[in-house]
Amino acid sequence: MTKRDVPMRKTETETLARFFPVEAADRIASLLDEYAVQLKVSRTRVSKLGDFRPGRGSGWHRISVNANLNQYEFLLVFLHELSHLIVYQTHGRSVLPHGKEWKAVYGGLIREFTETRMFHPALHDQLLRYSQRVKASGVADISLALALRMFDKSDDDQGWHYLEEIPEKSLFRARSGKVFRKGERIRKRFRCFCLNNNLSYLIHPMAHVNYADEREFQQ
């Protein structure tokens, strides 16, 4: 998996199985064709896990998902963004982005993929509960996020936490290597101050972070 964006269009199932659970690859391939989606595997972004951009005219829609997610997180975020596409095709921009229409579609997709065993059985109960009360911010349910962590890709993830978990004012290092101090929650993200460039950023609550040593920045 490279650091550069990897575009995929009408992707073969073998390629999809690099990112999704292998059981889901055929279904994902059919959804990409059905909804004319270009799937883009993106470099890690601290502000979001994925996004949806509607196609222009008769062009392909685009869904991007962060490359650093494990296969079940990747699938969940993809379904989140696909739900935006489905709602957009049905209602245009006349409904709220994460309103009842989106919640119904996303919850239904989670149940479909859970009941057809495209998620690991250890996640089924949590996913079915989550499907009844889905949230806007990616994998926003902390208990589900913690359950998903057991499927992280390698030992490189040891010692990492979700930003949501660490206390306010803690010093942490993002995967980019930059060091931040966690600030207050602003709607769906946390305002964090970067010690490397003295700028503030709004960071996704499910961003993977690691504690940084205060002594590195003491004068």
N, C-alpha and C. Protein backbone atom coordinates (compact mmCIF):
# COMPACT_ATOMS: atom_id res chain seq x y z
N MET A 1 0.85 -1.18 0.00
CA MET A 1 0.00 0.00 0.00
C MET A 1 0.89 1.24 0.00
N THR A 2 0.81 2.07 -1.01
CA THR A 2 1.69 3.22 -1.11
C THR A 2 1.13 4.40 -0.38
N LYS A 3 1.97 5.42 -0.19
CA LYS A 3 1.51 6.63 0.48
C LYS A 3 0.70 7.50 -0.48
N ARG A 4 0.87 7.28 -1.78
CA ARG A 4 0.13 8.08 -2.74
C ARG A 4 -1.27 7.51 -2.91
N ASP A 5 -2.18 8.36 -3.39
CA ASP A 5 -3.55 7.91 -3.61
C ASP A 5 -3.57 6.81 -4.67
N VAL A 6 -4.41 5.80 -4.44
CA VAL A 6 -4.54 4.69 -5.38
C VAL A 6 -5.94 4.74 -5.97
N PRO A 7 -6.11 5.15 -7.26
CA PRO A 7 -7.45 5.19 -7.84
C PRO A 7 -7.87 3.81 -8.31
N MET A 8 -9.18 3.51 -8.16
CA MET A 8 -9.69 2.24 -8.64
C MET A 8 -11.03 2.48 -9.32
N ARG A 9 -11.20 1.96 -10.53
CA ARG A 9 -12.47 2.04 -11.24
C ARG A 9 -12.77 0.67 -11.81
N LYS A 10 -14.01 0.17 -11.60
CA LYS A 10 -14.37 -1.18 -12.03
C LYS A 10 -13.29 -2.17 -11.60
N THR A 11 -12.93 -2.07 -10.35
CA THR A 11 -11.78 -2.81 -9.85
C THR A 11 -12.07 -4.29 -9.78
N GLU A 12 -11.09 -5.12 -10.11
CA GLU A 12 -11.23 -6.55 -9.98
C GLU A 12 -11.31 -6.92 -8.51
N THR A 13 -12.00 -8.00 -8.23
CA THR A 13 -12.22 -8.38 -6.83
C THR A 13 -10.92 -8.71 -6.11
N GLU A 14 -9.90 -9.19 -6.84
CA GLU A 14 -8.63 -9.49 -6.18
C GLU A 14 -8.01 -8.22 -5.60
N THR A 15 -8.14 -7.11 -6.33
CA THR A 15 -7.60 -5.84 -5.84
C THR A 15 -8.42 -5.33 -4.67
N LEU A 16 -9.73 -5.43 -4.76
CA LEU A 16 -10.60 -4.99 -3.67
C LEU A 16 -10.30 -5.75 -2.38
N ALA A 17 -9.95 -7.03 -2.52
CA ALA A 17 -9.68 -7.86 -1.33
C ALA A 17 -8.42 -7.42 -0.60
N ARG A 18 -7.63 -6.54 -1.17
CA ARG A 18 -6.48 -5.96 -0.45
C ARG A 18 -6.94 -5.00 0.63
N PHE A 19 -8.15 -4.45 0.48
CA PHE A 19 -8.62 -3.41 1.38
C PHE A 19 -9.88 -3.81 2.15
N PHE A 20 -10.75 -4.59 1.51
CA PHE A 20 -12.00 -5.05 2.12
C PHE A 20 -11.85 -6.50 2.58
N PRO A 21 -12.75 -6.95 3.47
CA PRO A 21 -12.81 -8.39 3.75
C PRO A 21 -13.03 -9.15 2.44
N VAL A 22 -12.34 -10.25 2.26
CA VAL A 22 -12.43 -10.98 1.00
C VAL A 22 -13.86 -11.42 0.72
N GLU A 23 -14.64 -11.70 1.78
CA GLU A 23 -16.04 -12.14 1.59
C GLU A 23 -16.90 -11.04 0.95
N ALA A 24 -16.47 -9.79 1.12
CA ALA A 24 -17.27 -8.66 0.62
C ALA A 24 -16.84 -8.18 -0.75
N ALA A 25 -15.74 -8.70 -1.29
CA ALA A 25 -15.16 -8.13 -2.51
C ALA A 25 -16.12 -8.17 -3.70
N ASP A 26 -16.80 -9.31 -3.91
CA ASP A 26 -17.72 -9.41 -5.05
C ASP A 26 -18.87 -8.42 -4.92
N ARG A 27 -19.42 -8.29 -3.71
CA ARG A 27 -20.54 -7.37 -3.49
C ARG A 27 -20.09 -5.92 -3.68
N ILE A 28 -18.89 -5.59 -3.21
CA ILE A 28 -18.38 -4.23 -3.39
C ILE A 28 -18.18 -3.94 -4.87
N ALA A 29 -17.63 -4.89 -5.61
CA ALA A 29 -17.42 -4.69 -7.04
C ALA A 29 -18.74 -4.40 -7.76
N SER A 30 -19.80 -5.13 -7.38
CA SER A 30 -21.10 -4.90 -8.03
C SER A 30 -21.67 -3.54 -7.65
N LEU A 31 -21.44 -3.09 -6.41
CA LEU A 31 -21.93 -1.77 -5.99
C LEU A 31 -21.18 -0.66 -6.72
N LEU A 32 -19.87 -0.83 -6.92
CA LEU A 32 -19.10 0.18 -7.65
C LEU A 32 -19.62 0.34 -9.06
N ASP A 33 -19.96 -0.78 -9.70
CA ASP A 33 -20.50 -0.71 -11.05
C ASP A 33 -21.93 -0.16 -11.06
N GLU A 34 -22.75 -0.64 -10.11
CA GLU A 34 -24.15 -0.23 -10.06
C GLU A 34 -24.29 1.28 -9.89
N TYR A 35 -23.46 1.86 -9.02
CA TYR A 35 -23.58 3.29 -8.72
C TYR A 35 -22.54 4.15 -9.43
N ALA A 36 -21.78 3.55 -10.35
CA ALA A 36 -20.77 4.28 -11.13
C ALA A 36 -19.83 5.05 -10.21
N VAL A 37 -19.14 4.28 -9.36
CA VAL A 37 -18.27 4.88 -8.34
C VAL A 37 -16.81 4.61 -8.68
N GLN A 38 -16.00 5.63 -8.57
CA GLN A 38 -14.55 5.47 -8.57
C GLN A 38 -14.10 5.47 -7.12
N LEU A 39 -13.51 4.36 -6.69
CA LEU A 39 -13.02 4.24 -5.32
C LEU A 39 -11.57 4.66 -5.28
N LYS A 40 -11.25 5.55 -4.35
CA LYS A 40 -9.89 6.05 -4.21
C LYS A 40 -9.39 5.75 -2.80
N VAL A 41 -8.29 5.03 -2.71
CA VAL A 41 -7.68 4.72 -1.42
C VAL A 41 -6.66 5.83 -1.15
N SER A 42 -6.93 6.62 -0.11
CA SER A 42 -6.18 7.85 0.13
C SER A 42 -5.13 7.68 1.20
N ARG A 43 -4.12 8.52 1.14
CA ARG A 43 -3.16 8.63 2.24
C ARG A 43 -3.90 9.01 3.51
N THR A 44 -3.30 8.73 4.64
CA THR A 44 -3.94 9.01 5.93
C THR A 44 -4.26 10.49 6.07
N ARG A 45 -5.52 10.79 6.47
CA ARG A 45 -5.94 12.16 6.73
C ARG A 45 -6.44 12.25 8.16
N VAL A 46 -5.96 13.24 8.93
CA VAL A 46 -6.40 13.34 10.32
C VAL A 46 -7.78 13.96 10.44
N SER A 47 -8.23 14.67 9.42
CA SER A 47 -9.51 15.38 9.51
C SER A 47 -10.70 14.51 9.15
N LYS A 48 -10.48 13.42 8.42
CA LYS A 48 -11.60 12.57 8.00
C LYS A 48 -11.10 11.19 7.64
N LEU A 49 -12.03 10.22 7.68
CA LEU A 49 -11.71 8.83 7.33
C LEU A 49 -12.07 8.52 5.89
N GLY A 50 -13.00 9.29 5.34
CA GLY A 50 -13.41 9.09 3.96
C GLY A 50 -14.26 10.25 3.50
N ASP A 51 -14.57 10.30 2.21
CA ASP A 51 -15.51 11.31 1.73
C ASP A 51 -16.16 10.87 0.43
N PHE A 52 -17.25 11.57 0.09
CA PHE A 52 -18.00 11.32 -1.13
C PHE A 52 -18.09 12.61 -1.92
N ARG A 53 -17.81 12.50 -3.23
CA ARG A 53 -17.98 13.64 -4.13
C ARG A 53 -18.81 13.19 -5.32
N PRO A 54 -19.94 13.88 -5.54
CA PRO A 54 -20.80 13.49 -6.68
C PRO A 54 -20.11 13.76 -8.01
N GLY A 55 -20.43 12.92 -8.99
CA GLY A 55 -19.88 13.10 -10.33
C GLY A 55 -20.46 14.34 -10.99
N ARG A 56 -19.69 14.90 -11.88
CA ARG A 56 -20.17 16.07 -12.64
C ARG A 56 -20.81 15.59 -13.93
N GLY A 57 -22.01 16.07 -14.19
CA GLY A 57 -22.71 15.64 -15.39
C GLY A 57 -22.96 14.15 -15.34
N SER A 58 -22.48 13.45 -16.36
CA SER A 58 -22.65 11.99 -16.40
C SER A 58 -21.38 11.27 -15.94
N GLY A 59 -20.47 12.00 -15.26
CA GLY A 59 -19.21 11.43 -14.82
C GLY A 59 -19.38 10.52 -13.61
N TRP A 60 -18.31 9.82 -13.28
CA TRP A 60 -18.32 8.88 -12.16
C TRP A 60 -18.34 9.64 -10.84
N HIS A 61 -19.07 9.09 -9.87
CA HIS A 61 -18.98 9.58 -8.50
C HIS A 61 -17.64 9.12 -7.92
N ARG A 62 -17.21 9.79 -6.86
CA ARG A 62 -15.95 9.39 -6.23
C ARG A 62 -16.15 9.20 -4.73
N ILE A 63 -15.66 8.07 -4.25
CA ILE A 63 -15.59 7.80 -2.81
C ILE A 63 -14.13 7.55 -2.47
N SER A 64 -13.65 8.23 -1.42
CA SER A 64 -12.29 7.96 -0.95
C SER A 64 -12.36 7.44 0.48
N VAL A 65 -11.43 6.52 0.80
CA VAL A 65 -11.32 5.95 2.14
C VAL A 65 -9.84 5.90 2.50
N ASN A 66 -9.52 6.20 3.75
CA ASN A 66 -8.12 6.23 4.19
C ASN A 66 -7.48 4.84 4.14
N ALA A 67 -6.24 4.80 3.71
CA ALA A 67 -5.53 3.55 3.50
C ALA A 67 -5.13 2.86 4.81
N ASN A 68 -5.04 3.61 5.91
CA ASN A 68 -4.50 3.04 7.15
C ASN A 68 -5.54 2.26 7.96
N LEU A 69 -6.76 2.16 7.47
CA LEU A 69 -7.82 1.46 8.21
C LEU A 69 -7.72 -0.04 8.01
N ASN A 70 -8.09 -0.81 9.03
CA ASN A 70 -8.15 -2.25 8.82
C ASN A 70 -9.36 -2.58 7.94
N GLN A 71 -9.44 -3.83 7.49
CA GLN A 71 -10.42 -4.19 6.46
C GLN A 71 -11.86 -3.95 6.89
N TYR A 72 -12.18 -4.14 8.16
CA TYR A 72 -13.56 -3.95 8.61
C TYR A 72 -13.88 -2.47 8.82
N GLU A 73 -12.91 -1.69 9.29
CA GLU A 73 -13.09 -0.24 9.34
C GLU A 73 -13.25 0.32 7.94
N PHE A 74 -12.42 -0.17 7.02
CA PHE A 74 -12.48 0.28 5.64
C PHE A 74 -13.87 0.04 5.05
N LEU A 75 -14.40 -1.15 5.29
CA LEU A 75 -15.74 -1.47 4.80
C LEU A 75 -16.79 -0.57 5.42
N LEU A 76 -16.70 -0.34 6.72
CA LEU A 76 -17.70 0.48 7.41
C LEU A 76 -17.67 1.92 6.91
N VAL A 77 -16.48 2.47 6.71
CA VAL A 77 -16.38 3.84 6.20
C VAL A 77 -16.86 3.91 4.75
N PHE A 78 -16.54 2.90 3.96
CA PHE A 78 -17.05 2.87 2.58
C PHE A 78 -18.57 2.88 2.56
N LEU A 79 -19.21 2.08 3.40
CA LEU A 79 -20.67 2.05 3.45
C LEU A 79 -21.24 3.40 3.90
N HIS A 80 -20.55 4.05 4.82
CA HIS A 80 -20.94 5.40 5.25
C HIS A 80 -21.00 6.34 4.03
N GLU A 81 -19.94 6.32 3.23
CA GLU A 81 -19.88 7.23 2.09
C GLU A 81 -20.82 6.81 0.96
N LEU A 82 -20.96 5.49 0.76
CA LEU A 82 -21.92 5.02 -0.24
C LEU A 82 -23.33 5.45 0.11
N SER A 83 -23.65 5.49 1.39
CA SER A 83 -24.98 5.95 1.83
C SER A 83 -25.21 7.39 1.42
N HIS A 84 -24.17 8.22 1.50
CA HIS A 84 -24.30 9.60 1.02
C HIS A 84 -24.63 9.63 -0.47
N LEU A 85 -23.98 8.77 -1.24
CA LEU A 85 -24.22 8.72 -2.68
C LEU A 85 -25.67 8.32 -2.97
N ILE A 86 -26.14 7.27 -2.28
CA ILE A 86 -27.50 6.77 -2.51
C ILE A 86 -28.53 7.85 -2.17
N VAL A 87 -28.32 8.53 -1.05
CA VAL A 87 -29.24 9.60 -0.66
C VAL A 87 -29.17 10.75 -1.65
N TYR A 88 -27.98 11.07 -2.12
CA TYR A 88 -27.81 12.15 -3.10
C TYR A 88 -28.57 11.83 -4.39
N GLN A 89 -28.49 10.57 -4.85
CA GLN A 89 -29.19 10.21 -6.07
C GLN A 89 -30.70 10.28 -5.91
N THR A 90 -31.18 10.00 -4.70
CA THR A 90 -32.62 10.00 -4.45
C THR A 90 -33.17 11.39 -4.15
N HIS A 91 -32.42 12.17 -3.36
CA HIS A 91 -32.95 13.44 -2.85
C HIS A 91 -32.15 14.66 -3.28
N GLY A 92 -31.04 14.47 -3.97
CA GLY A 92 -30.19 15.62 -4.29
C GLY A 92 -29.67 16.25 -3.01
N ARG A 93 -29.68 17.56 -2.96
CA ARG A 93 -29.21 18.29 -1.77
C ARG A 93 -30.37 18.82 -0.93
N SER A 94 -31.55 18.20 -1.08
CA SER A 94 -32.75 18.71 -0.40
C SER A 94 -32.90 18.19 1.03
N VAL A 95 -32.03 17.27 1.47
CA VAL A 95 -32.12 16.73 2.83
C VAL A 95 -30.79 16.95 3.54
N LEU A 96 -30.81 16.82 4.86
CA LEU A 96 -29.59 17.00 5.65
C LEU A 96 -28.58 15.90 5.34
N PRO A 97 -27.28 16.23 5.34
CA PRO A 97 -26.26 15.22 4.99
C PRO A 97 -26.32 13.97 5.87
N HIS A 98 -26.59 14.15 7.16
CA HIS A 98 -26.67 13.00 8.08
C HIS A 98 -28.06 12.94 8.74
N GLY A 99 -29.05 13.24 7.93
CA GLY A 99 -30.42 13.22 8.42
C GLY A 99 -31.02 11.82 8.44
N LYS A 100 -32.33 11.75 8.63
CA LYS A 100 -32.99 10.45 8.79
C LYS A 100 -32.87 9.58 7.54
N GLU A 101 -32.83 10.22 6.36
CA GLU A 101 -32.70 9.45 5.13
C GLU A 101 -31.36 8.72 5.07
N TRP A 102 -30.28 9.47 5.41
CA TRP A 102 -28.95 8.87 5.41
C TRP A 102 -28.84 7.78 6.48
N LYS A 103 -29.37 8.04 7.66
CA LYS A 103 -29.31 7.06 8.74
C LYS A 103 -30.02 5.77 8.36
N ALA A 104 -31.15 5.89 7.66
CA ALA A 104 -31.89 4.69 7.25
C ALA A 104 -31.10 3.87 6.24
N VAL A 105 -30.49 4.55 5.27
CA VAL A 105 -29.71 3.85 4.25
C VAL A 105 -28.47 3.20 4.85
N TYR A 106 -27.74 3.96 5.67
CA TYR A 106 -26.50 3.45 6.26
C TYR A 106 -26.79 2.28 7.20
N GLY A 107 -27.79 2.44 8.04
CA GLY A 107 -28.16 1.36 8.94
C GLY A 107 -28.56 0.11 8.18
N GLY A 108 -29.29 0.29 7.08
CA GLY A 108 -29.70 -0.86 6.28
C GLY A 108 -28.52 -1.57 5.63
N LEU A 109 -27.54 -0.80 5.14
CA LEU A 109 -26.35 -1.41 4.54
C LEU A 109 -25.54 -2.18 5.58
N ILE A 110 -25.40 -1.60 6.77
CA ILE A 110 -24.67 -2.30 7.84
C ILE A 110 -25.35 -3.64 8.15
N ARG A 111 -26.68 -3.61 8.25
CA ARG A 111 -27.40 -4.86 8.56
C ARG A 111 -27.24 -5.87 7.41
N GLU A 112 -27.31 -5.40 6.17
CA GLU A 112 -27.14 -6.31 5.03
C GLU A 112 -25.78 -7.00 5.08
N PHE A 113 -24.72 -6.21 5.28
CA PHE A 113 -23.37 -6.76 5.26
C PHE A 113 -23.08 -7.59 6.51
N THR A 114 -23.76 -7.30 7.61
CA THR A 114 -23.59 -8.10 8.82
C THR A 114 -24.33 -9.42 8.70
N GLU A 115 -25.57 -9.36 8.26
CA GLU A 115 -26.39 -10.57 8.17
C GLU A 115 -25.91 -11.54 7.10
N THR A 116 -25.19 -11.04 6.09
CA THR A 116 -24.63 -11.91 5.06
C THR A 116 -23.18 -12.29 5.39
N ARG A 117 -22.76 -11.99 6.63
CA ARG A 117 -21.47 -12.42 7.18
C ARG A 117 -20.27 -11.89 6.41
N MET A 118 -20.35 -10.62 6.04
CA MET A 118 -19.22 -9.96 5.39
C MET A 118 -18.35 -9.21 6.41
N PHE A 119 -18.85 -9.08 7.63
CA PHE A 119 -18.06 -8.63 8.76
C PHE A 119 -17.70 -9.84 9.61
N HIS A 120 -16.64 -9.73 10.39
CA HIS A 120 -16.23 -10.83 11.27
C HIS A 120 -17.33 -11.11 12.30
N PRO A 121 -17.61 -12.38 12.59
CA PRO A 121 -18.67 -12.71 13.56
C PRO A 121 -18.50 -12.03 14.91
N ALA A 122 -17.27 -11.76 15.33
CA ALA A 122 -17.05 -11.11 16.62
C ALA A 122 -17.62 -9.70 16.68
N LEU A 123 -17.91 -9.12 15.50
CA LEU A 123 -18.43 -7.75 15.44
C LEU A 123 -19.94 -7.70 15.26
N HIS A 124 -20.58 -8.84 15.03
CA HIS A 124 -21.97 -8.84 14.61
C HIS A 124 -22.90 -8.15 15.60
N ASP A 125 -22.83 -8.49 16.87
CA ASP A 125 -23.76 -7.92 17.84
C ASP A 125 -23.60 -6.40 17.94
N GLN A 126 -22.34 -5.94 17.99
CA GLN A 126 -22.08 -4.49 18.08
C GLN A 126 -22.57 -3.78 16.83
N LEU A 127 -22.33 -4.37 15.66
CA LEU A 127 -22.74 -3.74 14.41
C LEU A 127 -24.26 -3.64 14.30
N LEU A 128 -24.96 -4.70 14.70
CA LEU A 128 -26.42 -4.66 14.62
C LEU A 128 -27.00 -3.61 15.57
N ARG A 129 -26.39 -3.46 16.75
CA ARG A 129 -26.82 -2.39 17.66
C ARG A 129 -26.52 -1.02 17.05
N TYR A 130 -25.31 -0.89 16.51
CA TYR A 130 -24.90 0.39 15.92
C TYR A 130 -25.79 0.77 14.74
N SER A 131 -26.24 -0.22 13.97
CA SER A 131 -27.05 0.05 12.78
C SER A 131 -28.37 0.73 13.13
N GLN A 132 -28.81 0.59 14.40
CA GLN A 132 -30.06 1.21 14.83
C GLN A 132 -29.87 2.64 15.32
N ARG A 133 -28.61 3.06 15.48
CA ARG A 133 -28.33 4.42 16.01
C ARG A 133 -27.02 4.93 15.42
N VAL A 134 -26.92 4.87 14.10
CA VAL A 134 -25.68 5.27 13.44
C VAL A 134 -25.40 6.76 13.68
N LYS A 135 -24.12 7.11 13.63
CA LYS A 135 -23.69 8.47 13.86
C LYS A 135 -22.94 8.99 12.65
N ALA A 136 -22.75 10.31 12.63
CA ALA A 136 -22.22 10.97 11.44
C ALA A 136 -20.73 10.78 11.25
N SER A 137 -19.95 10.75 12.33
CA SER A 137 -18.50 10.86 12.22
C SER A 137 -17.82 9.50 12.05
N GLY A 138 -17.91 8.94 10.86
CA GLY A 138 -17.17 7.71 10.56
C GLY A 138 -17.53 6.60 11.52
N VAL A 139 -16.51 5.99 12.14
CA VAL A 139 -16.73 4.97 13.16
C VAL A 139 -16.85 5.70 14.49
N ALA A 140 -17.99 6.37 14.70
CA ALA A 140 -18.11 7.31 15.80
C ALA A 140 -18.47 6.66 17.13
N ASP A 141 -18.92 5.43 17.11
CA ASP A 141 -19.28 4.73 18.34
C ASP A 141 -18.01 4.16 18.95
N ILE A 142 -17.64 4.66 20.13
CA ILE A 142 -16.34 4.31 20.70
C ILE A 142 -16.25 2.83 21.03
N SER A 143 -17.33 2.20 21.50
CA SER A 143 -17.28 0.78 21.83
C SER A 143 -17.07 -0.06 20.57
N LEU A 144 -17.71 0.33 19.46
CA LEU A 144 -17.49 -0.37 18.20
C LEU A 144 -16.07 -0.13 17.70
N ALA A 145 -15.59 1.11 17.83
CA ALA A 145 -14.22 1.42 17.40
C ALA A 145 -13.20 0.58 18.15
N LEU A 146 -13.42 0.40 19.45
CA LEU A 146 -12.50 -0.42 20.24
C LEU A 146 -12.56 -1.89 19.82
N ALA A 147 -13.75 -2.37 19.49
CA ALA A 147 -13.88 -3.75 19.01
C ALA A 147 -13.16 -3.92 17.67
N LEU A 148 -13.25 -2.92 16.82
CA LEU A 148 -12.59 -2.98 15.52
C LEU A 148 -11.07 -3.00 15.64
N ARG A 149 -10.56 -2.45 16.73
CA ARG A 149 -9.11 -2.34 16.89
C ARG A 149 -8.43 -3.71 16.88
N MET A 150 -9.13 -4.76 17.33
CA MET A 150 -8.49 -6.08 17.38
C MET A 150 -8.10 -6.57 15.99
N PHE A 151 -8.61 -5.92 14.94
CA PHE A 151 -8.29 -6.32 13.57
C PHE A 151 -7.29 -5.39 12.90
N ASP A 152 -6.66 -4.52 13.69
CA ASP A 152 -5.66 -3.63 13.12
C ASP A 152 -4.58 -4.43 12.43
N LYS A 153 -3.96 -3.81 11.43
CA LYS A 153 -3.19 -4.57 10.45
C LYS A 153 -1.87 -5.13 10.93
N SER A 154 -1.21 -4.50 11.86
CA SER A 154 0.13 -4.97 12.21
C SER A 154 0.50 -4.49 13.59
N ASP A 155 1.68 -4.93 14.03
CA ASP A 155 2.19 -4.49 15.32
C ASP A 155 2.49 -3.00 15.35
N ASP A 156 2.53 -2.36 14.17
CA ASP A 156 2.79 -0.92 14.13
C ASP A 156 1.70 -0.14 14.85
N ASP A 157 0.51 -0.76 15.02
CA ASP A 157 -0.60 -0.07 15.66
C ASP A 157 -0.57 -0.19 17.17
N GLN A 158 0.37 -0.96 17.72
CA GLN A 158 0.44 -1.09 19.16
C GLN A 158 0.84 0.25 19.78
N GLY A 159 0.17 0.62 20.85
CA GLY A 159 0.46 1.89 21.50
C GLY A 159 -0.33 3.05 20.96
N TRP A 160 -1.09 2.84 19.89
CA TRP A 160 -1.90 3.92 19.32
C TRP A 160 -3.28 3.91 19.96
N HIS A 161 -3.87 5.10 20.02
CA HIS A 161 -5.19 5.29 20.62
C HIS A 161 -6.04 6.09 19.64
N TYR A 162 -7.35 6.06 19.88
CA TYR A 162 -8.21 6.99 19.18
C TYR A 162 -8.16 8.33 19.92
N LEU A 163 -8.17 9.43 19.16
CA LEU A 163 -8.14 10.76 19.78
C LEU A 163 -9.26 10.91 20.79
N GLU A 164 -10.42 10.32 20.50
CA GLU A 164 -11.57 10.37 21.40
C GLU A 164 -11.22 9.88 22.81
N GLU A 165 -10.29 8.91 22.88
CA GLU A 165 -9.99 8.25 24.15
C GLU A 165 -9.11 9.07 25.08
N ILE A 166 -8.24 9.92 24.54
CA ILE A 166 -7.22 10.54 25.38
C ILE A 166 -7.77 11.82 26.02
N PRO A 167 -7.28 12.19 27.21
CA PRO A 167 -7.83 13.35 27.92
C PRO A 167 -7.54 14.68 27.20
N GLU A 168 -8.42 15.63 27.42
CA GLU A 168 -8.19 16.98 26.90
C GLU A 168 -6.88 17.53 27.48
N LYS A 169 -6.18 18.30 26.68
CA LYS A 169 -4.88 18.93 26.99
C LYS A 169 -3.70 17.96 26.91
N SER A 170 -3.99 16.68 26.58
CA SER A 170 -2.89 15.73 26.40
C SER A 170 -2.08 16.09 25.17
N LEU A 171 -0.80 15.77 25.22
CA LEU A 171 0.09 15.96 24.08
C LEU A 171 0.12 14.63 23.32
N PHE A 172 -0.06 14.70 22.00
CA PHE A 172 -0.07 13.47 21.22
C PHE A 172 0.62 13.66 19.87
N ARG A 173 1.05 12.54 19.32
CA ARG A 173 1.69 12.53 18.01
C ARG A 173 0.76 11.84 17.01
N ALA A 174 0.51 12.51 15.88
CA ALA A 174 -0.29 11.91 14.82
C ALA A 174 0.58 11.02 13.94
N ARG A 175 -0.04 10.27 13.05
CA ARG A 175 0.72 9.39 12.17
C ARG A 175 1.63 10.19 11.22
N SER A 176 1.31 11.44 10.98
CA SER A 176 2.16 12.29 10.14
C SER A 176 3.48 12.63 10.81
N GLY A 177 3.56 12.40 12.13
CA GLY A 177 4.75 12.76 12.91
C GLY A 177 4.61 14.07 13.64
N LYS A 178 3.61 14.87 13.29
CA LYS A 178 3.40 16.16 13.97
C LYS A 178 2.84 15.93 15.37
N VAL A 179 3.19 16.86 16.27
CA VAL A 179 2.77 16.76 17.67
C VAL A 179 1.73 17.84 17.95
N PHE A 180 0.66 17.44 18.65
CA PHE A 180 -0.47 18.33 18.93
C PHE A 180 -0.81 18.29 20.41
N ARG A 181 -1.50 19.34 20.85
CA ARG A 181 -2.16 19.32 22.16
C ARG A 181 -3.66 19.29 21.92
N LYS A 182 -4.33 18.29 22.54
CA LYS A 182 -5.76 18.13 22.33
C LYS A 182 -6.53 19.25 23.02
N GLY A 183 -7.44 19.87 22.26
CA GLY A 183 -8.28 20.92 22.80
C GLY A 183 -9.73 20.50 22.89
N GLU A 184 -10.61 21.49 22.91
CA GLU A 184 -12.03 21.24 23.10
C GLU A 184 -12.68 20.65 21.85
N ARG A 185 -13.82 20.01 22.05
CA ARG A 185 -14.57 19.46 20.93
C ARG A 185 -15.37 20.58 20.28
N ILE A 186 -15.23 20.68 18.95
CA ILE A 186 -16.00 21.64 18.17
C ILE A 186 -16.92 20.84 17.27
N ARG A 187 -18.17 20.70 17.67
CA ARG A 187 -19.14 19.86 16.97
C ARG A 187 -18.63 18.43 16.85
N LYS A 188 -18.19 18.01 15.65
CA LYS A 188 -17.86 16.59 15.45
C LYS A 188 -16.36 16.32 15.49
N ARG A 189 -15.51 17.34 15.73
CA ARG A 189 -14.08 17.15 15.74
C ARG A 189 -13.46 17.88 16.93
N PHE A 190 -12.19 17.58 17.20
CA PHE A 190 -11.48 18.25 18.28
C PHE A 190 -10.53 19.30 17.70
N ARG A 191 -10.58 20.50 18.30
CA ARG A 191 -9.61 21.52 17.93
C ARG A 191 -8.29 21.20 18.63
N CYS A 192 -7.22 21.04 17.86
CA CYS A 192 -5.92 20.66 18.41
C CYS A 192 -4.86 21.64 17.92
N PHE A 193 -3.94 21.98 18.82
CA PHE A 193 -2.88 22.95 18.52
C PHE A 193 -1.61 22.19 18.17
N CYS A 194 -1.05 22.49 16.98
CA CYS A 194 0.15 21.80 16.52
C CYS A 194 1.39 22.53 17.02
N LEU A 195 2.23 21.84 17.76
CA LEU A 195 3.44 22.44 18.31
C LEU A 195 4.53 22.62 17.27
N ASN A 196 4.40 21.96 16.13
CA ASN A 196 5.42 22.07 15.09
C ASN A 196 5.32 23.35 14.29
N ASN A 197 4.08 23.85 14.09
CA ASN A 197 3.92 25.06 13.25
C ASN A 197 3.02 26.11 13.88
N ASN A 198 2.58 25.88 15.14
CA ASN A 198 1.75 26.85 15.87
C ASN A 198 0.41 27.13 15.18
N LEU A 199 -0.14 26.13 14.52
CA LEU A 199 -1.45 26.27 13.88
C LEU A 199 -2.45 25.35 14.55
N SER A 200 -3.72 25.69 14.45
CA SER A 200 -4.79 24.85 15.00
C SER A 200 -5.44 24.04 13.89
N TYR A 201 -5.84 22.81 14.23
CA TYR A 201 -6.47 21.91 13.29
C TYR A 201 -7.70 21.28 13.94
N LEU A 202 -8.72 20.97 13.13
CA LEU A 202 -9.87 20.21 13.60
C LEU A 202 -9.63 18.75 13.20
N ILE A 203 -9.49 17.87 14.19
CA ILE A 203 -9.07 16.50 13.95
C ILE A 203 -10.19 15.53 14.30
N HIS A 204 -10.35 14.52 13.46
CA HIS A 204 -11.40 13.52 13.61
C HIS A 204 -11.24 12.76 14.93
N PRO A 205 -12.32 12.51 15.66
CA PRO A 205 -12.22 11.82 16.96
C PRO A 205 -11.67 10.40 16.86
N MET A 206 -11.79 9.76 15.70
CA MET A 206 -11.29 8.39 15.54
C MET A 206 -9.91 8.35 14.89
N ALA A 207 -9.23 9.50 14.81
CA ALA A 207 -7.85 9.51 14.30
C ALA A 207 -6.96 8.70 15.24
N HIS A 208 -6.04 7.92 14.68
CA HIS A 208 -5.08 7.15 15.48
C HIS A 208 -3.95 8.08 15.93
N VAL A 209 -3.73 8.14 17.23
CA VAL A 209 -2.70 9.02 17.79
C VAL A 209 -1.93 8.26 18.87
N ASN A 210 -0.78 8.81 19.23
CA ASN A 210 0.05 8.21 20.28
C ASN A 210 0.48 9.32 21.21
N TYR A 211 0.60 9.02 22.50
CA TYR A 211 1.02 10.03 23.45
C TYR A 211 2.43 10.51 23.10
N ALA A 212 2.65 11.81 23.24
CA ALA A 212 3.98 12.40 23.04
C ALA A 212 4.53 12.82 24.40
N ASP A 213 5.84 12.92 24.50
CA ASP A 213 6.52 13.24 25.74
C ASP A 213 6.58 14.76 25.93
N GLU A 214 5.99 15.22 27.02
CA GLU A 214 5.98 16.67 27.32
C GLU A 214 7.41 17.22 27.39
N ARG A 215 8.35 16.41 27.85
CA ARG A 215 9.71 16.91 28.06
C ARG A 215 10.40 17.32 26.76
N GLU A 216 9.92 16.77 25.63
CA GLU A 216 10.51 17.15 24.34
C GLU A 216 10.27 18.62 24.02
N PHE A 217 9.24 19.21 24.64
CA PHE A 217 8.84 20.57 24.26
C PHE A 217 8.98 21.55 25.41
N GLN A 218 9.62 21.12 26.47
CA GLN A 218 9.90 22.03 27.58
C GLN A 218 11.10 22.87 27.25
N GLN A 219 11.02 24.16 27.58
CA GLN A 219 12.13 25.08 27.32
C GLN A 219 13.22 24.91 28.37
